[in-house]
mmCIF file of all heavy atoms, coordinates in Angstrom:
data_MODEL
# 
_entry.id   MODEL 
# 
loop_
_atom_site.group_PDB 
_atom_site.id 
_atom_site.type_symbol 
_atom_site.label_atom_id 
_atom_site.label_alt_id 
_atom_site.label_comp_id 
_atom_site.label_asym_id 
_atom_site.label_entity_id 
_atom_site.label_seq_id 
_atom_site.pdbx_PDB_ins_code 
_atom_site.Cartn_x 
_atom_site.Cartn_y 
_atom_site.Cartn_z 
_atom_site.occupancy 
_atom_site.B_iso_or_equiv 
_atom_site.pdbx_formal_charge 
_atom_site.auth_seq_id 
_atom_site.auth_comp_id 
_atom_site.auth_asym_id 
_atom_site.auth_atom_id 
_atom_site.pdbx_PDB_model_num 
ATOM 1   N N   . ARG A 1 1  ? 11.709 -0.272 21.523 1.00 0.00 ? 1  ARG A N   1 
ATOM 2   C CA  . ARG A 1 1  ? 12.881 -0.253 22.401 1.00 0.00 ? 1  ARG A CA  1 
ATOM 3   C C   . ARG A 1 1  ? 12.645 0.578  23.660 1.00 0.00 ? 1  ARG A C   1 
ATOM 4   O O   . ARG A 1 1  ? 13.553 0.742  24.471 1.00 0.00 ? 1  ARG A O   1 
ATOM 5   C CB  . ARG A 1 1  ? 14.085 0.313  21.646 1.00 0.00 ? 1  ARG A CB  1 
ATOM 6   C CG  . ARG A 1 1  ? 14.553 -0.613 20.555 1.00 0.00 ? 1  ARG A CG  1 
ATOM 7   C CD  . ARG A 1 1  ? 15.592 0.040  19.700 1.00 0.00 ? 1  ARG A CD  1 
ATOM 8   N NE  . ARG A 1 1  ? 16.874 0.181  20.396 1.00 0.00 ? 1  ARG A NE  1 
ATOM 9   C CZ  . ARG A 1 1  ? 18.038 -0.117 19.870 1.00 0.00 ? 1  ARG A CZ  1 
ATOM 10  N NH1 . ARG A 1 1  ? 18.084 -0.582 18.637 1.00 0.00 ? 1  ARG A NH1 1 
ATOM 11  N NH2 . ARG A 1 1  ? 19.153 0.049  20.537 1.00 0.00 ? 1  ARG A NH2 1 
ATOM 12  N N   . GLY A 1 2  ? 11.431 1.136  23.820 1.00 0.00 ? 2  GLY A N   1 
ATOM 13  C CA  . GLY A 1 2  ? 11.113 1.885  25.032 1.00 0.00 ? 2  GLY A CA  1 
ATOM 14  C C   . GLY A 1 2  ? 11.139 3.392  24.889 1.00 0.00 ? 2  GLY A C   1 
ATOM 15  O O   . GLY A 1 2  ? 11.020 4.116  25.881 1.00 0.00 ? 2  GLY A O   1 
ATOM 16  N N   . TRP A 1 3  ? 11.274 3.891  23.697 1.00 0.00 ? 3  TRP A N   1 
ATOM 17  C CA  . TRP A 1 3  ? 11.297 5.337  23.474 1.00 0.00 ? 3  TRP A CA  1 
ATOM 18  C C   . TRP A 1 3  ? 9.863  5.856  23.392 1.00 0.00 ? 3  TRP A C   1 
ATOM 19  O O   . TRP A 1 3  ? 8.972  5.192  22.888 1.00 0.00 ? 3  TRP A O   1 
ATOM 20  C CB  . TRP A 1 3  ? 12.000 5.658  22.165 1.00 0.00 ? 3  TRP A CB  1 
ATOM 21  C CG  . TRP A 1 3  ? 13.485 5.459  22.182 1.00 0.00 ? 3  TRP A CG  1 
ATOM 22  C CD1 . TRP A 1 3  ? 14.149 4.284  22.219 1.00 0.00 ? 3  TRP A CD1 1 
ATOM 23  C CD2 . TRP A 1 3  ? 14.468 6.479  22.146 1.00 0.00 ? 3  TRP A CD2 1 
ATOM 24  N NE1 . TRP A 1 3  ? 15.491 4.497  22.201 1.00 0.00 ? 3  TRP A NE1 1 
ATOM 25  C CE2 . TRP A 1 3  ? 15.728 5.846  22.156 1.00 0.00 ? 3  TRP A CE2 1 
ATOM 26  C CE3 . TRP A 1 3  ? 14.430 7.860  22.091 1.00 0.00 ? 3  TRP A CE3 1 
ATOM 27  C CZ2 . TRP A 1 3  ? 16.926 6.555  22.122 1.00 0.00 ? 3  TRP A CZ2 1 
ATOM 28  C CZ3 . TRP A 1 3  ? 15.622 8.566  22.053 1.00 0.00 ? 3  TRP A CZ3 1 
ATOM 29  C CH2 . TRP A 1 3  ? 16.845 7.918  22.074 1.00 0.00 ? 3  TRP A CH2 1 
ATOM 30  N N   . SER A 1 4  ? 9.643  7.076  23.840 1.00 0.00 ? 4  SER A N   1 
ATOM 31  C CA  . SER A 1 4  ? 8.354  7.740  23.660 1.00 0.00 ? 4  SER A CA  1 
ATOM 32  C C   . SER A 1 4  ? 8.530  8.817  22.589 1.00 0.00 ? 4  SER A C   1 
ATOM 33  O O   . SER A 1 4  ? 9.659  9.148  22.199 1.00 0.00 ? 4  SER A O   1 
ATOM 34  C CB  . SER A 1 4  ? 7.881  8.375  24.970 1.00 0.00 ? 4  SER A CB  1 
ATOM 35  O OG  . SER A 1 4  ? 8.714  9.455  25.316 1.00 0.00 ? 4  SER A OG  1 
ATOM 36  N N   . ALA A 1 5  ? 7.434  9.377  22.129 1.00 0.00 ? 5  ALA A N   1 
ATOM 37  C CA  . ALA A 1 5  ? 7.509  10.409 21.087 1.00 0.00 ? 5  ALA A CA  1 
ATOM 38  C C   . ALA A 1 5  ? 8.285  11.624 21.595 1.00 0.00 ? 5  ALA A C   1 
ATOM 39  O O   . ALA A 1 5  ? 9.096  12.216 20.867 1.00 0.00 ? 5  ALA A O   1 
ATOM 40  C CB  . ALA A 1 5  ? 6.109  10.811 20.640 1.00 0.00 ? 5  ALA A CB  1 
ATOM 41  N N   . GLY A 1 6  ? 8.057  12.003 22.855 1.00 0.00 ? 6  GLY A N   1 
ATOM 42  C CA  . GLY A 1 6  ? 8.777  13.139 23.431 1.00 0.00 ? 6  GLY A CA  1 
ATOM 43  C C   . GLY A 1 6  ? 10.262 12.869 23.564 1.00 0.00 ? 6  GLY A C   1 
ATOM 44  O O   . GLY A 1 6  ? 11.098 13.762 23.335 1.00 0.00 ? 6  GLY A O   1 
ATOM 45  N N   . MET A 1 7  ? 10.616 11.644 23.926 1.00 0.00 ? 7  MET A N   1 
ATOM 46  C CA  . MET A 1 7  ? 12.032 11.284 24.041 1.00 0.00 ? 7  MET A CA  1 
ATOM 47  C C   . MET A 1 7  ? 12.706 11.344 22.672 1.00 0.00 ? 7  MET A C   1 
ATOM 48  O O   . MET A 1 7  ? 13.850 11.802 22.557 1.00 0.00 ? 7  MET A O   1 
ATOM 49  C CB  . MET A 1 7  ? 12.167 9.882  24.644 1.00 0.00 ? 7  MET A CB  1 
ATOM 50  C CG  . MET A 1 7  ? 11.784 9.800  26.101 1.00 0.00 ? 7  MET A CG  1 
ATOM 51  S SD  . MET A 1 7  ? 11.609 8.111  26.703 1.00 0.00 ? 7  MET A SD  1 
ATOM 52  C CE  . MET A 1 7  ? 13.244 7.465  26.534 1.00 0.00 ? 7  MET A CE  1 
ATOM 53  N N   . ILE A 1 8  ? 12.005 10.887 21.643 1.00 0.00 ? 8  ILE A N   1 
ATOM 54  C CA  . ILE A 1 8  ? 12.570 10.918 20.287 1.00 0.00 ? 8  ILE A CA  1 
ATOM 55  C C   . ILE A 1 8  ? 12.835 12.357 19.872 1.00 0.00 ? 8  ILE A C   1 
ATOM 56  O O   . ILE A 1 8  ? 13.915 12.696 19.376 1.00 0.00 ? 8  ILE A O   1 
ATOM 57  C CB  . ILE A 1 8  ? 11.635 10.207 19.285 1.00 0.00 ? 8  ILE A CB  1 
ATOM 58  C CG1 . ILE A 1 8  ? 11.543 8.717  19.600 1.00 0.00 ? 8  ILE A CG1 1 
ATOM 59  C CG2 . ILE A 1 8  ? 12.122 10.419 17.845 1.00 0.00 ? 8  ILE A CG2 1 
ATOM 60  C CD1 . ILE A 1 8  ? 10.470 7.983  18.825 1.00 0.00 ? 8  ILE A CD1 1 
ATOM 61  N N   . ARG A 1 9  ? 11.840 13.232 20.087 1.00 0.00 ? 9  ARG A N   1 
ATOM 62  C CA  . ARG A 1 9  ? 12.005 14.642 19.723 1.00 0.00 ? 9  ARG A CA  1 
ATOM 63  C C   . ARG A 1 9  ? 13.150 15.280 20.510 1.00 0.00 ? 9  ARG A C   1 
ATOM 64  O O   . ARG A 1 9  ? 13.962 16.026 19.963 1.00 0.00 ? 9  ARG A O   1 
ATOM 65  C CB  . ARG A 1 9  ? 10.713 15.411 20.006 1.00 0.00 ? 9  ARG A CB  1 
ATOM 66  C CG  . ARG A 1 9  ? 9.750  15.466 18.876 1.00 0.00 ? 9  ARG A CG  1 
ATOM 67  C CD  . ARG A 1 9  ? 8.652  16.487 19.115 1.00 0.00 ? 9  ARG A CD  1 
ATOM 68  N NE  . ARG A 1 9  ? 8.073  16.427 20.448 1.00 0.00 ? 9  ARG A NE  1 
ATOM 69  C CZ  . ARG A 1 9  ? 7.063  15.623 20.809 1.00 0.00 ? 9  ARG A CZ  1 
ATOM 70  N NH1 . ARG A 1 9  ? 6.535  14.817 19.917 1.00 0.00 ? 9  ARG A NH1 1 
ATOM 71  N NH2 . ARG A 1 9  ? 6.594  15.641 22.030 1.00 0.00 ? 9  ARG A NH2 1 
ATOM 72  N N   . ARG A 1 10 ? 13.180 15.004 21.813 1.00 0.00 ? 10 ARG A N   1 
ATOM 73  C CA  . ARG A 1 10 ? 14.140 15.668 22.696 1.00 0.00 ? 10 ARG A CA  1 
ATOM 74  C C   . ARG A 1 10 ? 15.573 15.173 22.492 1.00 0.00 ? 10 ARG A C   1 
ATOM 75  O O   . ARG A 1 10 ? 16.508 15.979 22.441 1.00 0.00 ? 10 ARG A O   1 
ATOM 76  C CB  . ARG A 1 10 ? 13.708 15.432 24.140 1.00 0.00 ? 10 ARG A CB  1 
ATOM 77  C CG  . ARG A 1 10 ? 14.548 16.106 25.164 1.00 0.00 ? 10 ARG A CG  1 
ATOM 78  C CD  . ARG A 1 10 ? 13.928 15.902 26.518 1.00 0.00 ? 10 ARG A CD  1 
ATOM 79  N NE  . ARG A 1 10 ? 14.812 16.347 27.569 1.00 0.00 ? 10 ARG A NE  1 
ATOM 80  C CZ  . ARG A 1 10 ? 14.561 16.219 28.843 1.00 0.00 ? 10 ARG A CZ  1 
ATOM 81  N NH1 . ARG A 1 10 ? 13.448 15.642 29.225 1.00 0.00 ? 10 ARG A NH1 1 
ATOM 82  N NH2 . ARG A 1 10 ? 15.405 16.644 29.739 1.00 0.00 ? 10 ARG A NH2 1 
ATOM 83  N N   . LEU A 1 11 ? 15.753 13.876 22.379 1.00 0.00 ? 11 LEU A N   1 
ATOM 84  C CA  . LEU A 1 11 ? 17.104 13.322 22.342 1.00 0.00 ? 11 LEU A CA  1 
ATOM 85  C C   . LEU A 1 11 ? 17.660 13.111 20.937 1.00 0.00 ? 11 LEU A C   1 
ATOM 86  O O   . LEU A 1 11 ? 18.868 13.182 20.738 1.00 0.00 ? 11 LEU A O   1 
ATOM 87  C CB  . LEU A 1 11 ? 17.146 12.001 23.114 1.00 0.00 ? 11 LEU A CB  1 
ATOM 88  C CG  . LEU A 1 11 ? 16.756 12.090 24.591 1.00 0.00 ? 11 LEU A CG  1 
ATOM 89  C CD1 . LEU A 1 11 ? 16.693 10.722 25.214 1.00 0.00 ? 11 LEU A CD1 1 
ATOM 90  C CD2 . LEU A 1 11 ? 17.722 12.989 25.338 1.00 0.00 ? 11 LEU A CD2 1 
ATOM 91  N N   . LEU A 1 12 ? 16.784 12.831 19.978 1.00 0.00 ? 12 LEU A N   1 
ATOM 92  C CA  . LEU A 1 12 ? 17.276 12.556 18.627 1.00 0.00 ? 12 LEU A CA  1 
ATOM 93  C C   . LEU A 1 12 ? 17.030 13.705 17.654 1.00 0.00 ? 12 LEU A C   1 
ATOM 94  O O   . LEU A 1 12 ? 17.775 13.868 16.696 1.00 0.00 ? 12 LEU A O   1 
ATOM 95  C CB  . LEU A 1 12 ? 16.640 11.274 18.075 1.00 0.00 ? 12 LEU A CB  1 
ATOM 96  C CG  . LEU A 1 12 ? 17.023 9.983  18.796 1.00 0.00 ? 12 LEU A CG  1 
ATOM 97  C CD1 . LEU A 1 12 ? 16.269 8.814  18.205 1.00 0.00 ? 12 LEU A CD1 1 
ATOM 98  C CD2 . LEU A 1 12 ? 18.518 9.749  18.740 1.00 0.00 ? 12 LEU A CD2 1 
ATOM 99  N N   . GLY A 1 13 ? 15.984 14.447 17.872 1.00 0.00 ? 13 GLY A N   1 
ATOM 100 C CA  . GLY A 1 13 ? 15.698 15.578 16.983 1.00 0.00 ? 13 GLY A CA  1 
ATOM 101 C C   . GLY A 1 13 ? 15.201 15.119 15.622 1.00 0.00 ? 13 GLY A C   1 
ATOM 102 O O   . GLY A 1 13 ? 14.398 14.194 15.501 1.00 0.00 ? 13 GLY A O   1 
ATOM 103 N N   . GLU A 1 14 ? 15.723 15.741 14.587 1.00 0.00 ? 14 GLU A N   1 
ATOM 104 C CA  . GLU A 1 14 ? 15.291 15.448 13.217 1.00 0.00 ? 14 GLU A CA  1 
ATOM 105 C C   . GLU A 1 14 ? 15.772 14.062 12.785 1.00 0.00 ? 14 GLU A C   1 
ATOM 106 O O   . GLU A 1 14 ? 16.860 13.632 13.154 1.00 0.00 ? 14 GLU A O   1 
ATOM 107 C CB  . GLU A 1 14 ? 15.838 16.499 12.251 1.00 0.00 ? 14 GLU A CB  1 
ATOM 108 C CG  . GLU A 1 14 ? 15.126 17.829 12.349 1.00 0.00 ? 14 GLU A CG  1 
ATOM 109 C CD  . GLU A 1 14 ? 13.669 17.737 11.968 1.00 0.00 ? 14 GLU A CD  1 
ATOM 110 O OE1 . GLU A 1 14 ? 13.357 17.153 10.906 1.00 0.00 ? 14 GLU A OE1 1 
ATOM 111 O OE2 . GLU A 1 14 ? 12.836 18.237 12.736 1.00 0.00 ? 14 GLU A OE2 1 
ATOM 112 N N   . PRO A 1 15 ? 14.973 13.372 11.959 1.00 0.00 ? 15 PRO A N   1 
ATOM 113 C CA  . PRO A 1 15 ? 15.389 12.038 11.486 1.00 0.00 ? 15 PRO A CA  1 
ATOM 114 C C   . PRO A 1 15 ? 16.536 12.145 10.482 1.00 0.00 ? 15 PRO A C   1 
ATOM 115 O O   . PRO A 1 15 ? 16.739 13.176 9.847  1.00 0.00 ? 15 PRO A O   1 
ATOM 116 C CB  . PRO A 1 15 ? 14.127 11.501 10.820 1.00 0.00 ? 15 PRO A CB  1 
ATOM 117 C CG  . PRO A 1 15 ? 13.347 12.694 10.447 1.00 0.00 ? 15 PRO A CG  1 
ATOM 118 C CD  . PRO A 1 15 ? 13.650 13.744 11.483 1.00 0.00 ? 15 PRO A CD  1 
ATOM 119 N N   . ASP A 1 16 ? 17.274 11.040 10.363 1.00 0.00 ? 16 ASP A N   1 
ATOM 120 C CA  . ASP A 1 16 ? 18.380 10.994 9.408  1.00 0.00 ? 16 ASP A CA  1 
ATOM 121 C C   . ASP A 1 16 ? 17.870 10.798 7.982  1.00 0.00 ? 16 ASP A C   1 
ATOM 122 O O   . ASP A 1 16 ? 18.441 11.335 7.040  1.00 0.00 ? 16 ASP A O   1 
ATOM 123 C CB  . ASP A 1 16 ? 19.332 9.854  9.772  1.00 0.00 ? 16 ASP A CB  1 
ATOM 124 C CG  . ASP A 1 16 ? 19.973 10.089 11.124 1.00 0.00 ? 16 ASP A CG  1 
ATOM 125 O OD1 . ASP A 1 16 ? 20.364 11.238 11.406 1.00 0.00 ? 16 ASP A OD1 1 
ATOM 126 O OD2 . ASP A 1 16 ? 20.061 9.126  11.906 1.00 0.00 ? 16 ASP A OD2 1 
ATOM 127 N N   . LEU A 1 17 ? 16.795 10.032 7.827  1.00 0.00 ? 17 LEU A N   1 
ATOM 128 C CA  . LEU A 1 17 ? 16.208 9.777  6.510  1.00 0.00 ? 17 LEU A CA  1 
ATOM 129 C C   . LEU A 1 17 ? 14.691 9.864  6.599  1.00 0.00 ? 17 LEU A C   1 
ATOM 130 O O   . LEU A 1 17 ? 14.100 9.588  7.643  1.00 0.00 ? 17 LEU A O   1 
ATOM 131 C CB  . LEU A 1 17 ? 16.565 8.361  6.024  1.00 0.00 ? 17 LEU A CB  1 
ATOM 132 C CG  . LEU A 1 17 ? 18.001 8.049  5.666  1.00 0.00 ? 17 LEU A CG  1 
ATOM 133 C CD1 . LEU A 1 17 ? 18.134 6.559  5.367  1.00 0.00 ? 17 LEU A CD1 1 
ATOM 134 C CD2 . LEU A 1 17 ? 18.411 8.854  4.451  1.00 0.00 ? 17 LEU A CD2 1 
ATOM 135 N N   . ARG A 1 18 ? 14.102 10.211 5.485  1.00 0.00 ? 18 ARG A N   1 
ATOM 136 C CA  . ARG A 1 18 ? 12.648 10.144 5.334  1.00 0.00 ? 18 ARG A CA  1 
ATOM 137 C C   . ARG A 1 18 ? 12.376 9.332  4.077  1.00 0.00 ? 18 ARG A C   1 
ATOM 138 O O   . ARG A 1 18 ? 12.886 9.638  3.011  1.00 0.00 ? 18 ARG A O   1 
ATOM 139 C CB  . ARG A 1 18 ? 12.020 11.528 5.202  1.00 0.00 ? 18 ARG A CB  1 
ATOM 140 C CG  . ARG A 1 18 ? 12.048 12.327 6.474  1.00 0.00 ? 18 ARG A CG  1 
ATOM 141 C CD  . ARG A 1 18 ? 11.359 13.674 6.259  1.00 0.00 ? 18 ARG A CD  1 
ATOM 142 N NE  . ARG A 1 18 ? 11.604 14.558 7.372  1.00 0.00 ? 18 ARG A NE  1 
ATOM 143 C CZ  . ARG A 1 18 ? 10.733 14.772 8.349  1.00 0.00 ? 18 ARG A CZ  1 
ATOM 144 N NH1 . ARG A 1 18 ? 9.567  14.189 8.317  1.00 0.00 ? 18 ARG A NH1 1 
ATOM 145 N NH2 . ARG A 1 18 ? 11.029 15.571 9.339  1.00 0.00 ? 18 ARG A NH2 1 
ATOM 146 N N   . ARG A 1 19 ? 11.562 8.297  4.239  1.00 0.00 ? 19 ARG A N   1 
ATOM 147 C CA  . ARG A 1 19 ? 11.214 7.429  3.116  1.00 0.00 ? 19 ARG A CA  1 
ATOM 148 C C   . ARG A 1 19 ? 9.698  7.388  2.979  1.00 0.00 ? 19 ARG A C   1 
ATOM 149 O O   . ARG A 1 19 ? 8.978  7.539  3.974  1.00 0.00 ? 19 ARG A O   1 
ATOM 150 C CB  . ARG A 1 19 ? 11.729 6.002  3.352  1.00 0.00 ? 19 ARG A CB  1 
ATOM 151 C CG  . ARG A 1 19 ? 13.216 5.879  3.396  1.00 0.00 ? 19 ARG A CG  1 
ATOM 152 C CD  . ARG A 1 19 ? 13.758 5.871  1.960  1.00 0.00 ? 19 ARG A CD  1 
ATOM 153 N NE  . ARG A 1 19 ? 15.184 5.647  1.972  1.00 0.00 ? 19 ARG A NE  1 
ATOM 154 C CZ  . ARG A 1 19 ? 16.074 6.551  1.584  1.00 0.00 ? 19 ARG A CZ  1 
ATOM 155 N NH1 . ARG A 1 19 ? 15.691 7.718  1.165  1.00 0.00 ? 19 ARG A NH1 1 
ATOM 156 N NH2 . ARG A 1 19 ? 17.350 6.284  1.602  1.00 0.00 ? 19 ARG A NH2 1 
ATOM 157 N N   . PRO A 1 20 ? 9.190  7.149  1.757  1.00 0.00 ? 20 PRO A N   1 
ATOM 158 C CA  . PRO A 1 20 ? 7.730  7.019  1.606  1.00 0.00 ? 20 PRO A CA  1 
ATOM 159 C C   . PRO A 1 20 ? 7.218  5.881  2.491  1.00 0.00 ? 20 PRO A C   1 
ATOM 160 O O   . PRO A 1 20 ? 7.891  4.864  2.671  1.00 0.00 ? 20 PRO A O   1 
ATOM 161 C CB  . PRO A 1 20 ? 7.541  6.695  0.127  1.00 0.00 ? 20 PRO A CB  1 
ATOM 162 C CG  . PRO A 1 20 ? 8.793  7.129  -0.537 1.00 0.00 ? 20 PRO A CG  1 
ATOM 163 C CD  . PRO A 1 20 ? 9.894  7.026  0.484  1.00 0.00 ? 20 PRO A CD  1 
ATOM 164 N N   . ASN A 1 21 ? 6.044  6.051  3.018  1.00 0.00 ? 21 ASN A N   1 
ATOM 165 C CA  . ASN A 1 21 ? 5.451  5.039  3.888  1.00 0.00 ? 21 ASN A CA  1 
ATOM 166 C C   . ASN A 1 21 ? 5.218  3.773  3.075  1.00 0.00 ? 21 ASN A C   1 
ATOM 167 O O   . ASN A 1 21 ? 4.558  3.804  2.034  1.00 0.00 ? 21 ASN A O   1 
ATOM 168 C CB  . ASN A 1 21 ? 4.129  5.548  4.463  1.00 0.00 ? 21 ASN A CB  1 
ATOM 169 C CG  . ASN A 1 21 ? 3.608  4.686  5.560  1.00 0.00 ? 21 ASN A CG  1 
ATOM 170 O OD1 . ASN A 1 21 ? 3.456  3.487  5.385  1.00 0.00 ? 21 ASN A OD1 1 
ATOM 171 N ND2 . ASN A 1 21 ? 3.325  5.294  6.696  1.00 0.00 ? 21 ASN A ND2 1 
ATOM 172 N N   . PRO A 1 22 ? 5.734  2.630  3.517  1.00 0.00 ? 22 PRO A N   1 
ATOM 173 C CA  . PRO A 1 22 ? 5.612  1.410  2.717  1.00 0.00 ? 22 PRO A CA  1 
ATOM 174 C C   . PRO A 1 22 ? 4.220  0.789  2.750  1.00 0.00 ? 22 PRO A C   1 
ATOM 175 O O   . PRO A 1 22 ? 3.905  -0.051 1.918  1.00 0.00 ? 22 PRO A O   1 
ATOM 176 C CB  . PRO A 1 22 ? 6.630  0.458  3.356  1.00 0.00 ? 22 PRO A CB  1 
ATOM 177 C CG  . PRO A 1 22 ? 6.779  0.935  4.743  1.00 0.00 ? 22 PRO A CG  1 
ATOM 178 C CD  . PRO A 1 22 ? 6.547  2.423  4.710  1.00 0.00 ? 22 PRO A CD  1 
ATOM 179 N N   . PHE A 1 23 ? 3.376  1.207  3.674  1.00 0.00 ? 23 PHE A N   1 
ATOM 180 C CA  . PHE A 1 23 ? 2.059  0.594  3.812  1.00 0.00 ? 23 PHE A CA  1 
ATOM 181 C C   . PHE A 1 23 ? 0.947  1.431  3.197  1.00 0.00 ? 23 PHE A C   1 
ATOM 182 O O   . PHE A 1 23 ? -0.034 0.901  2.718  1.00 0.00 ? 23 PHE A O   1 
ATOM 183 C CB  . PHE A 1 23 ? 1.744  0.337  5.285  1.00 0.00 ? 23 PHE A CB  1 
ATOM 184 C CG  . PHE A 1 23 ? 2.765  -0.530 5.937  1.00 0.00 ? 23 PHE A CG  1 
ATOM 185 C CD1 . PHE A 1 23 ? 3.682  0.003  6.818  1.00 0.00 ? 23 PHE A CD1 1 
ATOM 186 C CD2 . PHE A 1 23 ? 2.852  -1.883 5.638  1.00 0.00 ? 23 PHE A CD2 1 
ATOM 187 C CE1 . PHE A 1 23 ? 4.642  -0.795 7.400  1.00 0.00 ? 23 PHE A CE1 1 
ATOM 188 C CE2 . PHE A 1 23 ? 3.806  -2.684 6.214  1.00 0.00 ? 23 PHE A CE2 1 
ATOM 189 C CZ  . PHE A 1 23 ? 4.714  -2.138 7.110  1.00 0.00 ? 23 PHE A CZ  1 
ATOM 190 N N   . LEU A 1 24 ? 1.096  2.740  3.233  1.00 0.00 ? 24 LEU A N   1 
ATOM 191 C CA  . LEU A 1 24 ? 0.047  3.621  2.722  1.00 0.00 ? 24 LEU A CA  1 
ATOM 192 C C   . LEU A 1 24 ? 0.713  4.813  2.042  1.00 0.00 ? 24 LEU A C   1 
ATOM 193 O O   . LEU A 1 24 ? 1.420  5.598  2.685  1.00 0.00 ? 24 LEU A O   1 
ATOM 194 C CB  . LEU A 1 24 ? -0.859 4.067  3.876  1.00 0.00 ? 24 LEU A CB  1 
ATOM 195 C CG  . LEU A 1 24 ? -2.118 4.813  3.514  1.00 0.00 ? 24 LEU A CG  1 
ATOM 196 C CD1 . LEU A 1 24 ? -3.020 3.945  2.645  1.00 0.00 ? 24 LEU A CD1 1 
ATOM 197 C CD2 . LEU A 1 24 ? -2.858 5.210  4.774  1.00 0.00 ? 24 LEU A CD2 1 
ATOM 198 N N   . ARG A 1 25 ? 0.472  4.935  0.773  1.00 0.00 ? 25 ARG A N   1 
ATOM 199 C CA  . ARG A 1 25 ? 1.140  5.982  -0.005 1.00 0.00 ? 25 ARG A CA  1 
ATOM 200 C C   . ARG A 1 25 ? 0.804  7.384  0.481  1.00 0.00 ? 25 ARG A C   1 
ATOM 201 O O   . ARG A 1 25 ? 1.648  8.276  0.453  1.00 0.00 ? 25 ARG A O   1 
ATOM 202 C CB  . ARG A 1 25 ? 0.708  5.854  -1.470 1.00 0.00 ? 25 ARG A CB  1 
ATOM 203 C CG  . ARG A 1 25 ? 1.830  5.708  -2.409 1.00 0.00 ? 25 ARG A CG  1 
ATOM 204 C CD  . ARG A 1 25 ? 1.382  5.537  -3.830 1.00 0.00 ? 25 ARG A CD  1 
ATOM 205 N NE  . ARG A 1 25 ? -0.053 5.659  -4.016 1.00 0.00 ? 25 ARG A NE  1 
ATOM 206 C CZ  . ARG A 1 25 ? -0.632 6.191  -5.080 1.00 0.00 ? 25 ARG A CZ  1 
ATOM 207 N NH1 . ARG A 1 25 ? 0.095  6.624  -6.055 1.00 0.00 ? 25 ARG A NH1 1 
ATOM 208 N NH2 . ARG A 1 25 ? -1.932 6.243  -5.183 1.00 0.00 ? 25 ARG A NH2 1 
ATOM 209 N N   . THR A 1 26 ? -0.446 7.598  0.913  1.00 0.00 ? 26 THR A N   1 
ATOM 210 C CA  . THR A 1 26 ? -0.872 8.936  1.307  1.00 0.00 ? 26 THR A CA  1 
ATOM 211 C C   . THR A 1 26 ? -0.491 9.283  2.741  1.00 0.00 ? 26 THR A C   1 
ATOM 212 O O   . THR A 1 26 ? -0.680 10.417 3.164  1.00 0.00 ? 26 THR A O   1 
ATOM 213 C CB  . THR A 1 26 ? -2.400 9.064  1.154  1.00 0.00 ? 26 THR A CB  1 
ATOM 214 O OG1 . THR A 1 26 ? -3.017 8.067  1.959  1.00 0.00 ? 26 THR A OG1 1 
ATOM 215 C CG2 . THR A 1 26 ? -2.815 8.913  -0.292 1.00 0.00 ? 26 THR A CG2 1 
# 
């Protein structure tokens, strides 16, 4: 959607949920 990693950190902060990675367990 056009977000960068810095924009995510700055505008959204901490995530609402954390789920195990569906592609790689580790």
